[in-house]
Protein backbone atom coordinates (compact mmCIF):
# COMPACT_ATOMS: atom_id res chain seq x y z
CA MET A 1 9.65 0.01 2.29
CA PRO A 2 10.64 2.06 5.06
CA ALA A 3 9.27 1.33 8.21
CA ASN A 4 6.77 4.34 8.51
CA PRO A 5 6.20 5.81 5.18
CA GLN A 6 3.66 8.25 4.50
CA LEU A 7 0.38 6.36 4.02
CA GLN A 8 -2.35 9.43 4.44
CA LEU A 9 -1.61 11.66 1.50
CA ILE A 10 -3.46 14.32 -0.48
CA ASP A 11 -3.99 13.99 -4.27
CA TYR A 12 -3.32 17.59 -6.05
CA LYS A 13 -7.00 18.07 -6.36
CA GLY A 14 -7.08 18.36 -2.52
CA LYS A 15 -8.86 14.65 -1.94
CA ASN A 16 -7.48 12.51 0.82
CA ILE A 17 -5.99 9.02 -0.10
CA ASP A 18 -5.68 6.67 2.61
CA LEU A 19 -3.09 4.13 0.86
CA ALA A 20 -3.32 1.82 4.28
CA ALA A 21 -7.44 1.46 3.97
CA MET A 22 -6.89 1.01 0.04
CA SER A 23 -4.77 -2.16 0.29
CA GLN A 24 -6.65 -3.59 2.76
CA GLY A 25 -7.78 -7.19 1.08
CA LYS A 26 -6.81 -6.14 -1.96
CA PRO A 27 -3.58 -4.89 -3.87
CA ILE A 28 -2.96 -1.62 -4.91
CA LEU A 29 -0.17 -0.23 -7.09
CA VAL A 30 1.86 3.02 -6.02
CA TYR A 31 3.34 4.56 -9.05
CA PHE A 32 6.31 7.08 -8.50
CA TRP A 33 6.79 9.18 -11.62
CA GLY A 34 7.71 12.64 -13.15
CA THR A 35 6.68 14.88 -16.03
CA TRP A 36 10.33 15.44 -16.70
CA CYS A 37 11.41 11.58 -16.61
CA PRO A 38 11.84 10.43 -20.37
CA ILE A 39 10.93 6.67 -19.44
CA CYS A 40 7.86 7.73 -17.29
CA SER A 41 6.36 9.03 -20.56
CA ILE A 42 6.40 5.46 -21.91
CA THR A 43 5.24 4.01 -18.61
CA SER A 44 2.59 6.19 -18.16
CA PRO A 45 0.18 5.24 -20.82
CA ALA A 46 0.27 1.58 -19.43
CA ILE A 47 -0.72 3.20 -15.66
CA ASN A 48 -3.39 5.13 -17.30
CA GLU A 49 -4.80 1.88 -18.91
CA LEU A 50 -4.51 0.06 -15.84
CA SER A 51 -5.82 2.66 -13.66
CA ASN A 52 -8.95 2.73 -16.22
CA GLU A 53 -9.94 -0.60 -16.15
CA ASN A 54 -10.75 -0.30 -12.20
CA ASN A 55 -9.74 -3.87 -11.42
CA TYR A 56 -6.77 -2.71 -9.11
CA PRO A 57 -6.52 1.09 -7.31
CA VAL A 58 -3.53 2.84 -8.78
CA VAL A 59 -2.02 6.09 -6.83
CA SER A 60 0.42 7.85 -8.73
CA ILE A 61 3.16 10.23 -6.93
CA ALA A 62 4.38 12.83 -9.27
CA ILE A 63 7.83 13.98 -8.25
CA LYS A 64 9.24 17.29 -8.53
CA SER A 65 6.73 17.76 -11.69
CA GLY A 66 5.73 21.75 -10.69
CA ALA A 67 2.97 23.62 -9.06
CA ASP A 68 -0.67 22.10 -9.07
CA GLN A 69 -1.93 23.61 -11.99
CA GLU A 70 1.51 22.58 -13.93
CA LEU A 71 0.77 19.03 -13.36
CA HIS A 72 -3.01 19.60 -14.03
CA ASP A 73 -2.38 20.54 -17.57
CA TYR A 74 0.39 17.97 -18.11
CA LEU A 75 -2.24 14.97 -17.10
CA ASN A 76 -5.02 16.56 -18.91
CA ASP A 77 -2.81 17.01 -22.26
CA HIS A 78 -1.50 13.66 -22.19
CA GLY A 79 -5.09 12.21 -21.23
CA TYR A 80 -4.15 10.77 -17.86
CA SER A 81 -6.84 10.30 -15.37
CA PHE A 82 -5.02 8.30 -12.64
CA THR A 83 -5.00 9.70 -8.94
CA THR A 84 -1.97 11.72 -8.92
CA VAL A 85 -0.22 13.17 -5.31
CA ASN A 86 2.12 15.91 -6.31
CA ASP A 87 5.22 15.63 -4.44
CA GLN A 88 6.48 19.12 -5.54
CA HIS A 89 9.68 18.80 -3.43
CA GLY A 90 10.38 15.08 -3.58
CA GLU A 91 9.52 14.72 0.32
CA ILE A 92 7.23 11.52 0.00
CA PHE A 93 9.85 10.07 -2.73
CA ALA A 94 12.53 10.11 -0.25
CA ASP A 95 10.36 9.11 2.68
CA TRP A 96 9.53 6.06 0.65
CA GLN A 97 13.19 5.69 0.41
CA GLY A 98 12.79 5.96 -3.72
CA GLN A 99 16.11 6.00 -5.68
CA VAL A 100 14.83 5.99 -9.40
CA THR A 101 12.00 6.85 -11.61
CA PRO A 102 9.60 5.23 -12.52
CA SER A 103 9.10 2.95 -9.41
CA TYR A 104 6.37 1.00 -8.72
CA ILE A 105 5.17 -0.39 -5.08
CA ILE A 106 2.53 -3.00 -4.72
CA LEU A 107 0.87 -2.86 -1.29
CA LYS A 108 -1.43 -5.12 0.10
CA ASP A 109 -2.76 -4.88 3.48
CA ASN A 110 -0.66 -2.21 4.31
CA LYS A 111 2.57 -4.38 3.34
CA MET A 112 4.97 -4.14 0.31
CA THR A 113 4.38 -7.00 -1.79
CA GLN A 114 6.57 -6.02 -4.43
CA GLY A 115 8.96 -3.15 -5.86
CA LEU A 116 10.06 -2.60 -9.01
CA THR A 117 11.58 0.08 -11.14
CA GLY A 118 12.43 0.82 -14.88
CA ILE A 119 10.21 -0.24 -17.91
CA GLN A 120 7.12 -2.55 -17.06
CA PRO A 121 4.60 -3.55 -19.74
CA LEU A 122 1.07 -3.62 -18.90
CA TRP A 123 0.62 -7.20 -18.66
CA SER A 124 3.53 -7.50 -16.11
CA LEU A 125 1.87 -5.20 -13.84
CA LYS A 126 -1.45 -6.95 -14.15
CA LEU A 127 0.19 -10.18 -13.45
CA ARG A 128 2.04 -8.77 -10.18
CA LEU A 129 -1.07 -7.32 -8.91
CA TRP A 130 -2.98 -10.96 -9.54
CA LEU A 131 0.04 -12.66 -7.99
CA SER A 132 -0.20 -10.14 -4.98
CA SER A 133 -3.98 -10.69 -4.74
CA THR A 134 -3.62 -14.56 -4.92
CA PHE A 135 -0.82 -15.14 -2.89
């Protein structure tokens, strides 16, 4: 994780997201993906399920996925309800030194505990979040 990544974000609906505050005492998952990414179409249902379970906060960053309305329509069409920041120009992804999608960052107490890429099954994400909360 870069020394000073953006931790104060605004989701595509205009809600403030404070990753630093959200990660205090409990791990959160930050999911970098794109509507155009074929692998993300495989991984996003697991992210949605994880988010709906409400055990760990999930914030997704949609990279270069169009205007807010286009992103809203995509999320709605796929039944995704996870919190989503629209990174229209890829600036947040670049700030976090992202290289590939999908990418996953687990934050706890404002520090990255794990960074992952590629296909990650739901059980793997749950285990990694649990380990981050325990150790």
